[in-house]
């Protein structure tokens, strides 16, 4: 059975869908850079980026194997990724309308909870790594 065909793409709506090859990659890179710049305007994302400037290099000192270094670094990057996704959700909710709505509140609260869980995971990973690295030397 043949796969269902997609509806035709209207280039006026989304010209990116018609791009191919290197042109598509370059345009996507520009959009991603614009997203990072938009994220930088959010205080929480800026704070997490500044913290990442300290924690990412520290992950190579704290981690005792390349896997530990990767997990430490990935946990920091995960916080930033989830923060950007939370910001995107909040932007879409704000775009829909400024009035209070229970579903808007729910969407924003769930995004915030995702950030909180990621921060707790990051803290737990770093706490365990710091304990494994320095606790044996304390006795």
C-alpha atoms as a PDB file:
ATOM      1  CA  UNK A   1       0.000   0.000   0.000  1.00  0.00           C
ATOM      2  CA  UNK A   2       1.533   3.371  -0.980  1.00  0.00           C
ATOM      3  CA  UNK A   3       2.287   5.937   1.683  1.00  0.00           C
ATOM      4  CA  UNK A   4      -0.189   8.788   1.863  1.00  0.00           C
ATOM      5  CA  UNK A   5       1.002  11.835   0.008  1.00  0.00           C
ATOM      6  CA  UNK A   6       1.516  15.101   1.811  1.00  0.00           C
ATOM      7  CA  UNK A   7      -0.509  18.135   0.797  1.00  0.00           C
ATOM      8  CA  UNK A   8       1.316  20.545  -1.478  1.00  0.00           C
ATOM      9  CA  UNK A   9       3.472  23.112   0.285  1.00  0.00           C
ATOM     10  CA  UNK A  10       2.521  26.739  -0.180  1.00  0.00           C
ATOM     11  CA  UNK A  11       5.847  28.612  -0.568  1.00  0.00           C
ATOM     12  CA  UNK A  12       4.201  31.803   0.643  1.00  0.00           C
ATOM     13  CA  UNK A  13       3.422  30.111   3.962  1.00  0.00           C
ATOM     14  CA  UNK A  14       6.718  28.283   4.511  1.00  0.00           C
ATOM     15  CA  UNK A  15       9.469  28.709   1.917  1.00  0.00           C
ATOM     16  CA  UNK A  16      11.851  26.624   4.071  1.00  0.00           C
ATOM     17  CA  UNK A  17       9.969  23.463   3.080  1.00  0.00           C
ATOM     18  CA  UNK A  18      10.956  23.959  -0.572  1.00  0.00           C
ATOM     19  CA  UNK A  19      14.663  24.391   0.130  1.00  0.00           C
ATOM     20  CA  UNK A  20      17.057  21.491  -0.343  1.00  0.00           C
ATOM     21  CA  UNK A  21      20.664  20.671   0.441  1.00  0.00           C
ATOM     22  CA  UNK A  22      23.071  23.298   1.696  1.00  0.00           C
ATOM     23  CA  UNK A  23      20.539  26.120   1.274  1.00  0.00           C
ATOM     24  CA  UNK A  24      18.172  24.371   3.686  1.00  0.00           C
ATOM     25  CA  UNK A  25      20.977  23.767   6.204  1.00  0.00           C
ATOM     26  CA  UNK A  26      22.154  27.402   6.061  1.00  0.00           C
ATOM     27  CA  UNK A  27      18.641  28.778   6.495  1.00  0.00           C
ATOM     28  CA  UNK A  28      17.919  26.356   9.349  1.00  0.00           C
ATOM     29  CA  UNK A  29      21.156  27.443  11.028  1.00  0.00           C
ATOM     30  CA  UNK A  30      20.070  31.077  10.801  1.00  0.00           C
ATOM     31  CA  UNK A  31      16.687  30.219  12.338  1.00  0.00           C
ATOM     32  CA  UNK A  32      18.403  28.317  15.139  1.00  0.00           C
ATOM     33  CA  UNK A  33      20.746  31.226  15.808  1.00  0.00           C
ATOM     34  CA  UNK A  34      17.724  33.554  15.939  1.00  0.00           C
ATOM     35  CA  UNK A  35      16.159  31.174  18.463  1.00  0.00           C
ATOM     36  CA  UNK A  36      19.265  31.301  20.652  1.00  0.00           C
ATOM     37  CA  UNK A  37      19.227  35.090  20.466  1.00  0.00           C
ATOM     38  CA  UNK A  38      15.547  35.133  21.454  1.00  0.00           C
ATOM     39  CA  UNK A  39      16.323  32.774  24.322  1.00  0.00           C
ATOM     40  CA  UNK A  40      19.134  35.076  25.466  1.00  0.00           C
ATOM     41  CA  UNK A  41      16.478  37.737  26.113  1.00  0.00           C
ATOM     42  CA  UNK A  42      15.053  35.484  28.845  1.00  0.00           C
ATOM     43  CA  UNK A  43      16.708  35.989  32.236  1.00  0.00           C
ATOM     44  CA  UNK A  44      16.549  32.305  33.229  1.00  0.00           C
ATOM     45  CA  UNK A  45      18.211  31.183  29.985  1.00  0.00           C
ATOM     46  CA  UNK A  46      20.963  33.801  30.382  1.00  0.00           C
ATOM     47  CA  UNK A  47      21.627  32.621  33.935  1.00  0.00           C
ATOM     48  CA  UNK A  48      21.785  29.003  32.776  1.00  0.00           C
ATOM     49  CA  UNK A  49      24.186  29.926  29.971  1.00  0.00           C
ATOM     50  CA  UNK A  50      26.469  31.726  32.402  1.00  0.00           C
ATOM     51  CA  UNK A  51      26.359  28.731  34.734  1.00  0.00           C
ATOM     52  CA  UNK A  52      27.139  26.481  31.760  1.00  0.00           C
ATOM     53  CA  UNK A  53      30.303  28.514  31.102  1.00  0.00           C
ATOM     54  CA  UNK A  54      31.508  27.280  34.488  1.00  0.00           C
ATOM     55  CA  UNK A  55      30.002  23.791  34.587  1.00  0.00           C
ATOM     56  CA  UNK A  56      30.875  22.570  31.085  1.00  0.00           C
ATOM     57  CA  UNK A  57      34.632  22.984  31.551  1.00  0.00           C
ATOM     58  CA  UNK A  58      34.298  21.691  35.135  1.00  0.00           C
ATOM     59  CA  UNK A  59      32.708  18.502  33.810  1.00  0.00           C
ATOM     60  CA  UNK A  60      36.104  17.516  32.378  1.00  0.00           C
ATOM     61  CA  UNK A  61      37.721  17.953  35.780  1.00  0.00           C
ATOM     62  CA  UNK A  62      34.989  16.294  37.843  1.00  0.00           C
ATOM     63  CA  UNK A  63      34.265  13.381  35.522  1.00  0.00           C
ATOM     64  CA  UNK A  64      36.635  10.464  35.947  1.00  0.00           C
ATOM     65  CA  UNK A  65      35.779   8.814  32.612  1.00  0.00           C
ATOM     66  CA  UNK A  66      34.618  10.172  29.295  1.00  0.00           C
ATOM     67  CA  UNK A  67      31.126   8.830  30.038  1.00  0.00           C
ATOM     68  CA  UNK A  68      30.976  10.742  33.319  1.00  0.00           C
ATOM     69  CA  UNK A  69      32.171  13.907  31.582  1.00  0.00           C
ATOM     70  CA  UNK A  70      29.526  13.446  28.885  1.00  0.00           C
ATOM     71  CA  UNK A  71      26.719  12.867  31.414  1.00  0.00           C
ATOM     72  CA  UNK A  72      27.732  15.916  33.442  1.00  0.00           C
ATOM     73  CA  UNK A  73      27.882  18.101  30.328  1.00  0.00           C
ATOM     74  CA  UNK A  74      24.653  16.651  28.903  1.00  0.00           C
ATOM     75  CA  UNK A  75      22.765  17.377  32.109  1.00  0.00           C
ATOM     76  CA  UNK A  76      23.770  21.048  31.870  1.00  0.00           C
ATOM     77  CA  UNK A  77      22.837  21.279  28.191  1.00  0.00           C
ATOM     78  CA  UNK A  78      19.518  19.522  28.919  1.00  0.00           C
ATOM     79  CA  UNK A  79      18.582  22.311  31.337  1.00  0.00           C
ATOM     80  CA  UNK A  80      19.162  24.892  28.602  1.00  0.00           C
ATOM     81  CA  UNK A  81      17.221  22.873  26.024  1.00  0.00           C
ATOM     82  CA  UNK A  82      14.213  22.465  28.315  1.00  0.00           C
ATOM     83  CA  UNK A  83      14.370  26.168  29.209  1.00  0.00           C
ATOM     84  CA  UNK A  84      14.221  27.063  25.507  1.00  0.00           C
ATOM     85  CA  UNK A  85      11.263  24.722  24.987  1.00  0.00           C
ATOM     86  CA  UNK A  86       9.514  26.238  28.005  1.00  0.00           C
ATOM     87  CA  UNK A  87      10.102  29.708  26.575  1.00  0.00           C
ATOM     88  CA  UNK A  88       8.646  28.561  23.245  1.00  0.00           C
ATOM     89  CA  UNK A  89       5.513  27.240  24.988  1.00  0.00           C
ATOM     90  CA  UNK A  90       5.133  30.488  26.914  1.00  0.00           C
ATOM     91  CA  UNK A  91       5.543  32.511  23.712  1.00  0.00           C
ATOM     92  CA  UNK A  92       2.858  30.512  21.918  1.00  0.00           C
ATOM     93  CA  UNK A  93       0.483  30.838  24.867  1.00  0.00           C
ATOM     94  CA  UNK A  94       1.104  34.595  24.992  1.00  0.00           C
ATOM     95  CA  UNK A  95       0.539  34.793  21.225  1.00  0.00           C
ATOM     96  CA  UNK A  96      -2.878  33.174  21.574  1.00  0.00           C
ATOM     97  CA  UNK A  97      -4.075  35.907  23.902  1.00  0.00           C
ATOM     98  CA  UNK A  98      -3.215  37.946  26.970  1.00  0.00           C
ATOM     99  CA  UNK A  99      -6.336  37.030  28.941  1.00  0.00           C
ATOM    100  CA  UNK A 100      -6.128  34.489  31.759  1.00  0.00           C
ATOM    101  CA  UNK A 101      -7.252  30.979  30.826  1.00  0.00           C
ATOM    102  CA  UNK A 102      -6.928  27.754  32.786  1.00  0.00           C
ATOM    103  CA  UNK A 103      -5.382  25.906  29.813  1.00  0.00           C
ATOM    104  CA  UNK A 104      -2.840  28.699  29.309  1.00  0.00           C
ATOM    105  CA  UNK A 105      -1.916  28.513  32.983  1.00  0.00           C
ATOM    106  CA  UNK A 106      -1.702  24.734  32.764  1.00  0.00           C
ATOM    107  CA  UNK A 107       0.616  24.857  29.726  1.00  0.00           C
ATOM    108  CA  UNK A 108       2.913  27.383  31.390  1.00  0.00           C
ATOM    109  CA  UNK A 109       2.919  25.476  34.693  1.00  0.00           C
ATOM    110  CA  UNK A 110       3.781  22.200  32.937  1.00  0.00           C
ATOM    111  CA  UNK A 111       6.641  23.900  31.074  1.00  0.00           C
ATOM    112  CA  UNK A 112       7.914  25.318  34.341  1.00  0.00           C
ATOM    113  CA  UNK A 113       7.671  21.897  35.988  1.00  0.00           C
ATOM    114  CA  UNK A 114       9.736  20.421  33.141  1.00  0.00           C
ATOM    115  CA  UNK A 115      12.452  22.998  33.807  1.00  0.00           C
ATOM    116  CA  UNK A 116      12.330  22.257  37.539  1.00  0.00           C
ATOM    117  CA  UNK A 117      12.672  18.497  37.012  1.00  0.00           C
ATOM    118  CA  UNK A 118      15.596  19.032  34.651  1.00  0.00           C
ATOM    119  CA  UNK A 119      17.309  21.323  37.164  1.00  0.00           C
ATOM    120  CA  UNK A 120      16.798  18.714  39.921  1.00  0.00           C
ATOM    121  CA  UNK A 121      18.180  15.978  37.660  1.00  0.00           C
ATOM    122  CA  UNK A 122      21.201  18.130  36.833  1.00  0.00           C
ATOM    123  CA  UNK A 123      21.794  18.902  40.514  1.00  0.00           C
ATOM    124  CA  UNK A 124      21.514  15.205  41.431  1.00  0.00           C
ATOM    125  CA  UNK A 125      23.961  14.154  38.703  1.00  0.00           C
ATOM    126  CA  UNK A 126      26.458  16.829  39.718  1.00  0.00           C
ATOM    127  CA  UNK A 127      26.004  16.056  43.413  1.00  0.00           C
ATOM    128  CA  UNK A 128      26.649  12.349  42.844  1.00  0.00           C
ATOM    129  CA  UNK A 129      29.682  13.080  40.669  1.00  0.00           C
ATOM    130  CA  UNK A 130      31.134  15.504  43.200  1.00  0.00           C
ATOM    131  CA  UNK A 131      30.558  12.981  45.991  1.00  0.00           C
ATOM    132  CA  UNK A 132      32.222  10.180  44.001  1.00  0.00           C
ATOM    133  CA  UNK A 133      35.152  12.425  43.123  1.00  0.00           C
ATOM    134  CA  UNK A 134      35.851  14.044  46.510  1.00  0.00           C
ATOM    135  CA  UNK A 135      34.229  11.955  49.284  1.00  0.00           C
ATOM    136  CA  UNK A 136      36.941   9.258  49.266  1.00  0.00           C
ATOM    137  CA  UNK A 137      39.543  11.971  49.895  1.00  0.00           C
ATOM    138  CA  UNK A 138      37.718  13.439  52.896  1.00  0.00           C
ATOM    139  CA  UNK A 139      38.347  10.514  55.250  1.00  0.00           C
END
